[in-house]
Amino acid sequence: MALLQTNKDLIATGIKEFNILLYQQVFSHPAVPEEAMVTVVNDWVNFYINYYRQQMVGEQQEQHEAVQELRQQLDTVCLFPGQI
């Protein structure tokens, strides 16, 4: 099932905002260990998922698919910042 345009737009906005957030966290001398930063980033992903889940439109299945697409793209951004 294709995503509704409104949900596609929400996903694009979420990814753009998330990329900005990630780029703000680049330090030459990290203030926190890498393991702690992974935990922080995972918390941010969950925050974005919960925030955008409430804004998704359509039937329940359409909303679920949109949330899954958002999660997949956020996970990709975490691995390859700036690639999406």
Foldseek 3Di string as FASTA:
>chain_A
DDADPVLVVLLVVLLVVLLVVVVVLDDPDHPDDPVVVVVVLVVVLVVSLVVCLVVGDDDPVNSVVSSVVSSVSSVVCVVPPPPD
